[in-house]
Amino acid sequence: MKDREFCASILAKVLIDAGVGIVIGGTGSDEIIEHMVETECCEALRKIREILDDDTFTDEMCFGCIDQIVSLYEELGPGAGSRHDFG
């Protein structure tokens, strides 16, 4: 997935979740999009760190950590592709 497509998928999810409809144009639109996507990505990284820092997981439960991280990535919007077929 290309960077612009990745950013667009995250931005679309943020806007849908917020119930927002916007028209982006003009000279500042790239900066607005970049800021919105960066904010969402930072929040996702914070959540991933919380998952990794969860001491309730034993080494045998690392699969659970990975599953939670992949699930978070799917919630963010771009999906995990074929890598999250844990059946």
PDB file of N, CA and C in Angstrom:
ATOM      1  N   MET A   1       0.852  -1.170   0.000  1.00  0.00           N
ATOM      2  CA  MET A   1       0.000   0.000   0.000  1.00  0.00           C
ATOM      3  C   MET A   1       0.898   1.234   0.000  1.00  0.00           C
ATOM      4  N   LYS A   2       0.610   2.156  -0.876  1.00  0.00           N
ATOM      5  CA  LYS A   2       1.404   3.371  -0.975  1.00  0.00           C
ATOM      6  C   LYS A   2       1.062   4.314   0.169  1.00  0.00           C
ATOM      7  N   ASP A   3       2.009   5.213   0.500  1.00  0.00           N
ATOM      8  CA  ASP A   3       1.833   6.144   1.627  1.00  0.00           C
ATOM      9  C   ASP A   3       0.545   6.946   1.519  1.00  0.00           C
ATOM     10  N   ARG A   4       0.271   7.476   0.345  1.00  0.00           N
ATOM     11  CA  ARG A   4      -0.927   8.307   0.185  1.00  0.00           C
ATOM     12  C   ARG A   4      -2.193   7.482   0.387  1.00  0.00           C
ATOM     13  N   GLU A   5      -2.203   6.245  -0.117  1.00  0.00           N
ATOM     14  CA  GLU A   5      -3.356   5.365   0.072  1.00  0.00           C
ATOM     15  C   GLU A   5      -3.513   5.005   1.542  1.00  0.00           C
ATOM     16  N   PHE A   6      -2.396   4.747   2.226  1.00  0.00           N
ATOM     17  CA  PHE A   6      -2.414   4.430   3.647  1.00  0.00           C
ATOM     18  C   PHE A   6      -3.013   5.594   4.433  1.00  0.00           C
ATOM     19  N   CYS A   7      -2.516   6.792   4.161  1.00  0.00           N
ATOM     20  CA  CYS A   7      -3.024   7.982   4.852  1.00  0.00           C
ATOM     21  C   CYS A   7      -4.498   8.199   4.546  1.00  0.00           C
ATOM     22  N   ALA A   8      -4.885   7.995   3.303  1.00  0.00           N
ATOM     23  CA  ALA A   8      -6.286   8.196   2.922  1.00  0.00           C
ATOM     24  C   ALA A   8      -7.203   7.215   3.644  1.00  0.00           C
ATOM     25  N   SER A   9      -6.763   5.964   3.792  1.00  0.00           N
ATOM     26  CA  SER A   9      -7.611   4.986   4.474  1.00  0.00           C
ATOM     27  C   SER A   9      -7.769   5.317   5.949  1.00  0.00           C
ATOM     28  N   ILE A  10      -6.717   5.803   6.573  1.00  0.00           N
ATOM     29  CA  ILE A  10      -6.795   6.203   7.978  1.00  0.00           C
ATOM     30  C   ILE A  10      -7.684   7.437   8.125  1.00  0.00           C
ATOM     31  N   LEU A  11      -7.484   8.410   7.261  1.00  0.00           N
ATOM     32  CA  LEU A  11      -8.281   9.628   7.323  1.00  0.00           C
ATOM     33  C   LEU A  11      -9.759   9.323   7.110  1.00  0.00           C
ATOM     34  N   ALA A  12     -10.060   8.461   6.169  1.00  0.00           N
ATOM     35  CA  ALA A  12     -11.463   8.103   5.917  1.00  0.00           C
ATOM     36  C   ALA A  12     -12.094   7.502   7.165  1.00  0.00           C
ATOM     37  N   LYS A  13     -11.379   6.610   7.855  1.00  0.00           N
ATOM     38  CA  LYS A  13     -11.893   5.986   9.073  1.00  0.00           C
ATOM     39  C   LYS A  13     -12.120   7.037  10.160  1.00  0.00           C
ATOM     40  N   VAL A  14     -11.189   7.954  10.323  1.00  0.00           N
ATOM     41  CA  VAL A  14     -11.315   9.011  11.332  1.00  0.00           C
ATOM     42  C   VAL A  14     -12.548   9.861  11.046  1.00  0.00           C
ATOM     43  N   LEU A  15     -12.737  10.244   9.796  1.00  0.00           N
ATOM     44  CA  LEU A  15     -13.867  11.092   9.435  1.00  0.00           C
ATOM     45  C   LEU A  15     -15.197  10.364   9.605  1.00  0.00           C
ATOM     46  N   ILE A  16     -15.238   9.112   9.205  1.00  0.00           N
ATOM     47  CA  ILE A  16     -16.464   8.326   9.358  1.00  0.00           C
ATOM     48  C   ILE A  16     -16.811   8.190  10.831  1.00  0.00           C
ATOM     49  N   ASP A  17     -15.810   7.845  11.651  1.00  0.00           N
ATOM     50  CA  ASP A  17     -16.051   7.677  13.089  1.00  0.00           C
ATOM     51  C   ASP A  17     -16.515   8.973  13.743  1.00  0.00           C
ATOM     52  N   ALA A  18     -16.031  10.097  13.236  1.00  0.00           N
ATOM     53  CA  ALA A  18     -16.397  11.391  13.814  1.00  0.00           C
ATOM     54  C   ALA A  18     -17.716  11.919  13.245  1.00  0.00           C
ATOM     55  N   GLY A  19     -18.238  11.260  12.216  1.00  0.00           N
ATOM     56  CA  GLY A  19     -19.463  11.720  11.592  1.00  0.00           C
ATOM     57  C   GLY A  19     -19.280  13.031  10.858  1.00  0.00           C
ATOM     58  N   VAL A  20     -18.097  13.228  10.333  1.00  0.00           N
ATOM     59  CA  VAL A  20     -17.735  14.498   9.726  1.00  0.00           C
ATOM     60  C   VAL A  20     -17.761  14.388   8.207  1.00  0.00           C
ATOM     61  N   GLY A  21     -18.169  15.430   7.593  1.00  0.00           N
ATOM     62  CA  GLY A  21     -18.035  15.577   6.151  1.00  0.00           C
ATOM     63  C   GLY A  21     -17.298  16.870   5.895  1.00  0.00           C
ATOM     64  N   ILE A  22     -16.215  16.819   5.147  1.00  0.00           N
ATOM     65  CA  ILE A  22     -15.443  18.036   4.895  1.00  0.00           C
ATOM     66  C   ILE A  22     -15.082  18.132   3.418  1.00  0.00           C
ATOM     67  N   VAL A  23     -14.804  19.335   3.012  1.00  0.00           N
ATOM     68  CA  VAL A  23     -14.264  19.584   1.691  1.00  0.00           C
ATOM     69  C   VAL A  23     -12.875  20.134   1.917  1.00  0.00           C
ATOM     70  N   ILE A  24     -11.909  19.435   1.375  1.00  0.00           N
ATOM     71  CA  ILE A  24     -10.525  19.858   1.561  1.00  0.00           C
ATOM     72  C   ILE A  24     -10.021  20.425   0.241  1.00  0.00           C
ATOM     73  N   GLY A  25      -9.493  21.589   0.321  1.00  0.00           N
ATOM     74  CA  GLY A  25      -8.935  22.228  -0.862  1.00  0.00           C
ATOM     75  C   GLY A  25      -8.082  23.396  -0.433  1.00  0.00           C
ATOM     76  N   GLY A  26      -7.442  23.986  -1.357  1.00  0.00           N
ATOM     77  CA  GLY A  26      -6.615  25.129  -1.035  1.00  0.00           C
ATOM     78  C   GLY A  26      -5.208  24.719  -0.675  1.00  0.00           C
ATOM     79  N   THR A  27      -4.456  25.689  -0.245  1.00  0.00           N
ATOM     80  CA  THR A  27      -3.033  25.469  -0.016  1.00  0.00           C
ATOM     81  C   THR A  27      -2.730  24.702   1.264  1.00  0.00           C
ATOM     82  N   GLY A  28      -3.622  24.720   2.253  1.00  0.00           N
ATOM     83  CA  GLY A  28      -3.342  24.072   3.526  1.00  0.00           C
ATOM     84  C   GLY A  28      -3.875  22.665   3.656  1.00  0.00           C
ATOM     85  N   SER A  29      -4.504  22.125   2.613  1.00  0.00           N
ATOM     86  CA  SER A  29      -5.170  20.828   2.758  1.00  0.00           C
ATOM     87  C   SER A  29      -4.199  19.697   3.063  1.00  0.00           C
ATOM     88  N   ASP A  30      -3.024  19.699   2.449  1.00  0.00           N
ATOM     89  CA  ASP A  30      -2.064  18.630   2.730  1.00  0.00           C
ATOM     90  C   ASP A  30      -1.629  18.641   4.190  1.00  0.00           C
ATOM     91  N   GLU A  31      -1.440  19.833   4.736  1.00  0.00           N
ATOM     92  CA  GLU A  31      -1.036  19.945   6.137  1.00  0.00           C
ATOM     93  C   GLU A  31      -2.147  19.482   7.076  1.00  0.00           C
ATOM     94  N   ILE A  32      -3.391  19.814   6.728  1.00  0.00           N
ATOM     95  CA  ILE A  32      -4.530  19.389   7.544  1.00  0.00           C
ATOM     96  C   ILE A  32      -4.628  17.869   7.554  1.00  0.00           C
ATOM     97  N   ILE A  33      -4.538  17.265   6.376  1.00  0.00           N
ATOM     98  CA  ILE A  33      -4.608  15.802   6.268  1.00  0.00           C
ATOM     99  C   ILE A  33      -3.463  15.159   7.039  1.00  0.00           C
ATOM    100  N   GLU A  34      -2.266  15.671   6.854  1.00  0.00           N
ATOM    101  CA  GLU A  34      -1.099  15.111   7.533  1.00  0.00           C
ATOM    102  C   GLU A  34      -1.263  15.170   9.047  1.00  0.00           C
ATOM    103  N   HIS A  35      -1.746  16.283   9.564  1.00  0.00           N
ATOM    104  CA  HIS A  35      -1.931  16.435  11.003  1.00  0.00           C
ATOM    105  C   HIS A  35      -2.970  15.449  11.537  1.00  0.00           C
ATOM    106  N   MET A  36      -4.086  15.315  10.826  1.00  0.00           N
ATOM    107  CA  MET A  36      -5.146  14.412  11.276  1.00  0.00           C
ATOM    108  C   MET A  36      -4.662  12.960  11.296  1.00  0.00           C
ATOM    109  N   VAL A  37      -3.956  12.560  10.250  1.00  0.00           N
ATOM    110  CA  VAL A  37      -3.453  11.185  10.169  1.00  0.00           C
ATOM    111  C   VAL A  37      -2.375  10.956  11.226  1.00  0.00           C
ATOM    112  N   GLU A  38      -1.486  11.917  11.405  1.00  0.00           N
ATOM    113  CA  GLU A  38      -0.423  11.784  12.404  1.00  0.00           C
ATOM    114  C   GLU A  38      -1.002  11.631  13.803  1.00  0.00           C
ATOM    115  N   THR A  39      -2.027  12.398  14.117  1.00  0.00           N
ATOM    116  CA  THR A  39      -2.674  12.300  15.424  1.00  0.00           C
ATOM    117  C   THR A  39      -3.245  10.908  15.642  1.00  0.00           C
ATOM    118  N   GLU A  40      -3.924  10.377  14.635  1.00  0.00           N
ATOM    119  CA  GLU A  40      -4.513   9.041  14.743  1.00  0.00           C
ATOM    120  C   GLU A  40      -3.427   7.966  14.867  1.00  0.00           C
ATOM    121  N   CYS A  41      -2.351   8.115  14.114  1.00  0.00           N
ATOM    122  CA  CYS A  41      -1.259   7.144  14.184  1.00  0.00           C
ATOM    123  C   CYS A  41      -0.583   7.170  15.556  1.00  0.00           C
ATOM    124  N   CYS A  42      -0.399   8.336  16.105  1.00  0.00           N
ATOM    125  CA  CYS A  42       0.201   8.436  17.445  1.00  0.00           C
ATOM    126  C   CYS A  42      -0.683   7.761  18.486  1.00  0.00           C
ATOM    127  N   GLU A  43      -1.980   7.916  18.369  1.00  0.00           N
ATOM    128  CA  GLU A  43      -2.898   7.252  19.296  1.00  0.00           C
ATOM    129  C   GLU A  43      -2.805   5.737  19.140  1.00  0.00           C
ATOM    130  N   ALA A  44      -2.709   5.260  17.909  1.00  0.00           N
ATOM    131  CA  ALA A  44      -2.571   3.820  17.667  1.00  0.00           C
ATOM    132  C   ALA A  44      -1.265   3.297  18.261  1.00  0.00           C
ATOM    133  N   LEU A  45      -0.191   4.040  18.109  1.00  0.00           N
ATOM    134  CA  LEU A  45       1.091   3.622  18.689  1.00  0.00           C
ATOM    135  C   LEU A  45       1.021   3.579  20.217  1.00  0.00           C
ATOM    136  N   ARG A  46       0.306   4.538  20.804  1.00  0.00           N
ATOM    137  CA  ARG A  46       0.145   4.534  22.258  1.00  0.00           C
ATOM    138  C   ARG A  46      -0.596   3.274  22.693  1.00  0.00           C
ATOM    139  N   LYS A  47      -1.650   2.905  21.962  1.00  0.00           N
ATOM    140  CA  LYS A  47      -2.406   1.699  22.296  1.00  0.00           C
ATOM    141  C   LYS A  47      -1.561   0.445  22.112  1.00  0.00           C
ATOM    142  N   ILE A  48      -0.747   0.410  21.066  1.00  0.00           N
ATOM    143  CA  ILE A  48       0.154  -0.733  20.857  1.00  0.00           C
ATOM    144  C   ILE A  48       1.128  -0.844  22.019  1.00  0.00           C
ATOM    145  N   ARG A  49       1.659   0.278  22.474  1.00  0.00           N
ATOM    146  CA  ARG A  49       2.596   0.262  23.608  1.00  0.00           C
ATOM    147  C   ARG A  49       1.913  -0.282  24.851  1.00  0.00           C
ATOM    148  N   GLU A  50       0.655   0.099  25.072  1.00  0.00           N
ATOM    149  CA  GLU A  50      -0.090  -0.421  26.217  1.00  0.00           C
ATOM    150  C   GLU A  50      -0.235  -1.940  26.123  1.00  0.00           C
ATOM    151  N   ILE A  51      -0.506  -2.432  24.939  1.00  0.00           N
ATOM    152  CA  ILE A  51      -0.628  -3.877  24.747  1.00  0.00           C
ATOM    153  C   ILE A  51       0.702  -4.554  25.043  1.00  0.00           C
ATOM    154  N   LEU A  52       1.783  -4.011  24.532  1.00  0.00           N
ATOM    155  CA  LEU A  52       3.103  -4.609  24.744  1.00  0.00           C
ATOM    156  C   LEU A  52       3.532  -4.553  26.204  1.00  0.00           C
ATOM    157  N   ASP A  53       3.096  -3.531  26.919  1.00  0.00           N
ATOM    158  CA  ASP A  53       3.470  -3.374  28.324  1.00  0.00           C
ATOM    159  C   ASP A  53       2.578  -4.163  29.278  1.00  0.00           C
ATOM    160  N   ASP A  54       1.589  -4.845  28.759  1.00  0.00           N
ATOM    161  CA  ASP A  54       0.656  -5.606  29.589  1.00  0.00           C
ATOM    162  C   ASP A  54       1.362  -6.828  30.178  1.00  0.00           C
ATOM    163  N   ASP A  55       1.694  -6.751  31.455  1.00  0.00           N
ATOM    164  CA  ASP A  55       2.434  -7.826  32.120  1.00  0.00           C
ATOM    165  C   ASP A  55       1.587  -9.059  32.408  1.00  0.00           C
ATOM    166  N   THR A  56       0.300  -9.005  32.110  1.00  0.00           N
ATOM    167  CA  THR A  56      -0.534 -10.175  32.338  1.00  0.00           C
ATOM    168  C   THR A  56      -0.295 -11.251  31.288  1.00  0.00           C
ATOM    169  N   PHE A  57       0.376 -10.899  30.182  1.00  0.00           N
ATOM    170  CA  PHE A  57       0.686 -11.879  29.148  1.00  0.00           C
ATOM    171  C   PHE A  57       1.967 -12.627  29.495  1.00  0.00           C
ATOM    172  N   THR A  58       1.913 -13.939  29.459  1.00  0.00           N
ATOM    173  CA  THR A  58       3.112 -14.757  29.590  1.00  0.00           C
ATOM    174  C   THR A  58       3.708 -14.939  28.202  1.00  0.00           C
ATOM    175  N   ASP A  59       4.908 -15.531  28.142  1.00  0.00           N
ATOM    176  CA  ASP A  59       5.527 -15.778  26.845  1.00  0.00           C
ATOM    177  C   ASP A  59       4.617 -16.628  25.962  1.00  0.00           C
ATOM    178  N   GLU A  60       3.914 -17.556  26.578  1.00  0.00           N
ATOM    179  CA  GLU A  60       3.017 -18.414  25.812  1.00  0.00           C
ATOM    180  C   GLU A  60       1.827 -17.625  25.266  1.00  0.00           C
ATOM    181  N   MET A  61       1.554 -16.480  25.868  1.00  0.00           N
ATOM    182  CA  MET A  61       0.400 -15.683  25.456  1.00  0.00           C
ATOM    183  C   MET A  61       0.790 -14.570  24.480  1.00  0.00           C
ATOM    184  N   CYS A  62       2.033 -14.557  24.017  1.00  0.00           N
ATOM    185  CA  CYS A  62       2.473 -13.509  23.084  1.00  0.00           C
ATOM    186  C   CYS A  62       1.599 -13.462  21.848  1.00  0.00           C
ATOM    187  N   PHE A  63       1.079 -14.614  21.470  1.00  0.00           N
ATOM    188  CA  PHE A  63       0.167 -14.638  20.335  1.00  0.00           C
ATOM    189  C   PHE A  63      -1.002 -13.698  20.594  1.00  0.00           C
ATOM    190  N   GLY A  64      -1.478 -13.648  21.833  1.00  0.00           N
ATOM    191  CA  GLY A  64      -2.573 -12.750  22.193  1.00  0.00           C
ATOM    192  C   GLY A  64      -2.190 -11.289  21.981  1.00  0.00           C
ATOM    193  N   CYS A  65      -0.941 -10.938  22.325  1.00  0.00           N
ATOM    194  CA  CYS A  65      -0.469  -9.561  22.101  1.00  0.00           C
ATOM    195  C   CYS A  65      -0.472  -9.234  20.614  1.00  0.00           C
ATOM    196  N   ILE A  66       0.067 -10.147  19.837  1.00  0.00           N
ATOM    197  CA  ILE A  66       0.135  -9.914  18.395  1.00  0.00           C
ATOM    198  C   ILE A  66      -1.267  -9.800  17.813  1.00  0.00           C
ATOM    199  N   ASP A  67      -2.160 -10.657  18.259  1.00  0.00           N
ATOM    200  CA  ASP A  67      -3.538 -10.614  17.777  1.00  0.00           C
ATOM    201  C   ASP A  67      -4.183  -9.269  18.111  1.00  0.00           C
ATOM    202  N   GLN A  68      -3.948  -8.761  19.311  1.00  0.00           N
ATOM    203  CA  GLN A  68      -4.513  -7.467  19.697  1.00  0.00           C
ATOM    204  C   GLN A  68      -3.949  -6.340  18.839  1.00  0.00           C
ATOM    205  N   ILE A  69      -2.655  -6.390  18.546  1.00  0.00           N
ATOM    206  CA  ILE A  69      -2.023  -5.360  17.723  1.00  0.00           C
ATOM    207  C   ILE A  69      -2.578  -5.401  16.300  1.00  0.00           C
ATOM    208  N   VAL A  70      -2.697  -6.601  15.741  1.00  0.00           N
ATOM    209  CA  VAL A  70      -3.250  -6.728  14.393  1.00  0.00           C
ATOM    210  C   VAL A  70      -4.700  -6.256  14.373  1.00  0.00           C
ATOM    211  N   SER A  71      -5.453  -6.584  15.399  1.00  0.00           N
ATOM    212  CA  SER A  71      -6.843  -6.137  15.484  1.00  0.00           C
ATOM    213  C   SER A  71      -6.920  -4.611  15.550  1.00  0.00           C
ATOM    214  N   LEU A  72      -6.022  -3.998  16.305  1.00  0.00           N
ATOM    215  CA  LEU A  72      -5.977  -2.541  16.385  1.00  0.00           C
ATOM    216  C   LEU A  72      -5.673  -1.952  15.015  1.00  0.00           C
ATOM    217  N   TYR A  73      -4.740  -2.558  14.306  1.00  0.00           N
ATOM    218  CA  TYR A  73      -4.401  -2.090  12.970  1.00  0.00           C
ATOM    219  C   TYR A  73      -5.622  -2.159  12.059  1.00  0.00           C
ATOM    220  N   GLU A  74      -6.405  -3.219  12.192  1.00  0.00           N
ATOM    221  CA  GLU A  74      -7.622  -3.348  11.395  1.00  0.00           C
ATOM    222  C   GLU A  74      -8.639  -2.269  11.776  1.00  0.00           C
ATOM    223  N   GLU A  75      -8.740  -1.948  13.060  1.00  0.00           N
ATOM    224  CA  GLU A  75      -9.648  -0.895  13.513  1.00  0.00           C
ATOM    225  C   GLU A  75      -9.247   0.455  12.948  1.00  0.00           C
ATOM    226  N   LEU A  76      -7.948   0.662  12.783  1.00  0.00           N
ATOM    227  CA  LEU A  76      -7.433   1.931  12.281  1.00  0.00           C
ATOM    228  C   LEU A  76      -7.894   2.178  10.857  1.00  0.00           C
ATOM    229  N   GLY A  77      -8.111   1.132  10.095  1.00  0.00           N
ATOM    230  CA  GLY A  77      -8.668   1.332   8.768  1.00  0.00           C
ATOM    231  C   GLY A  77      -8.013   0.571   7.645  1.00  0.00           C
ATOM    232  N   PRO A  78      -6.674   0.561   7.553  1.00  0.00           N
ATOM    233  CA  PRO A  78      -6.086  -0.058   6.370  1.00  0.00           C
ATOM    234  C   PRO A  78      -6.166  -1.586   6.355  1.00  0.00           C
ATOM    235  N   GLY A  79      -6.512  -2.180   7.468  1.00  0.00           N
ATOM    236  CA  GLY A  79      -6.612  -3.639   7.520  1.00  0.00           C
ATOM    237  C   GLY A  79      -5.257  -4.305   7.620  1.00  0.00           C
ATOM    238  N   ALA A  80      -5.282  -5.600   7.825  1.00  0.00           N
ATOM    239  CA  ALA A  80      -4.042  -6.358   7.980  1.00  0.00           C
ATOM    240  C   ALA A  80      -3.818  -7.314   6.823  1.00  0.00           C
ATOM    241  N   GLY A  81      -4.643  -7.233   5.824  1.00  0.00           N
ATOM    242  CA  GLY A  81      -4.483  -8.105   4.677  1.00  0.00           C
ATOM    243  C   GLY A  81      -4.671  -9.562   5.059  1.00  0.00           C
ATOM    244  N   SER A  82      -3.948 -10.429   4.409  1.00  0.00           N
ATOM    245  CA  SER A  82      -4.085 -11.870   4.651  1.00  0.00           C
ATOM    246  C   SER A  82      -3.357 -12.311   5.912  1.00  0.00           C
ATOM    247  N   ARG A  83      -2.668 -11.424   6.596  1.00  0.00           N
ATOM    248  CA  ARG A  83      -1.903 -11.786   7.782  1.00  0.00           C
ATOM    249  C   ARG A  83      -2.753 -12.043   9.008  1.00  0.00           C
ATOM    250  N   HIS A  84      -4.030 -11.716   8.960  1.00  0.00           N
ATOM    251  CA  HIS A  84      -4.865 -11.887  10.156  1.00  0.00           C
ATOM    252  C   HIS A  84      -5.965 -12.901   9.873  1.00  0.00           C
ATOM    253  N   ASP A  85      -5.551 -14.080   9.513  1.00  0.00           N
ATOM    254  CA  ASP A  85      -6.503 -15.164   9.259  1.00  0.00           C
ATOM    255  C   ASP A  85      -6.265 -16.230  10.325  1.00  0.00           C
ATOM    256  N   PHE A  86      -6.569 -15.882  11.586  1.00  0.00           N
ATOM    257  CA  PHE A  86      -6.283 -16.765  12.699  1.00  0.00           C
ATOM    258  C   PHE A  86      -7.410 -17.734  12.963  1.00  0.00           C
ATOM    259  N   GLY A  87      -8.438 -17.680  12.119  1.00  0.00           N
ATOM    260  CA  GLY A  87      -9.536 -18.601  12.107  1.00  0.00           C
ATOM    261  C   GLY A  87     -10.221 -18.869  13.341  1.00  0.00           C
TER     262      GLY A  87
END
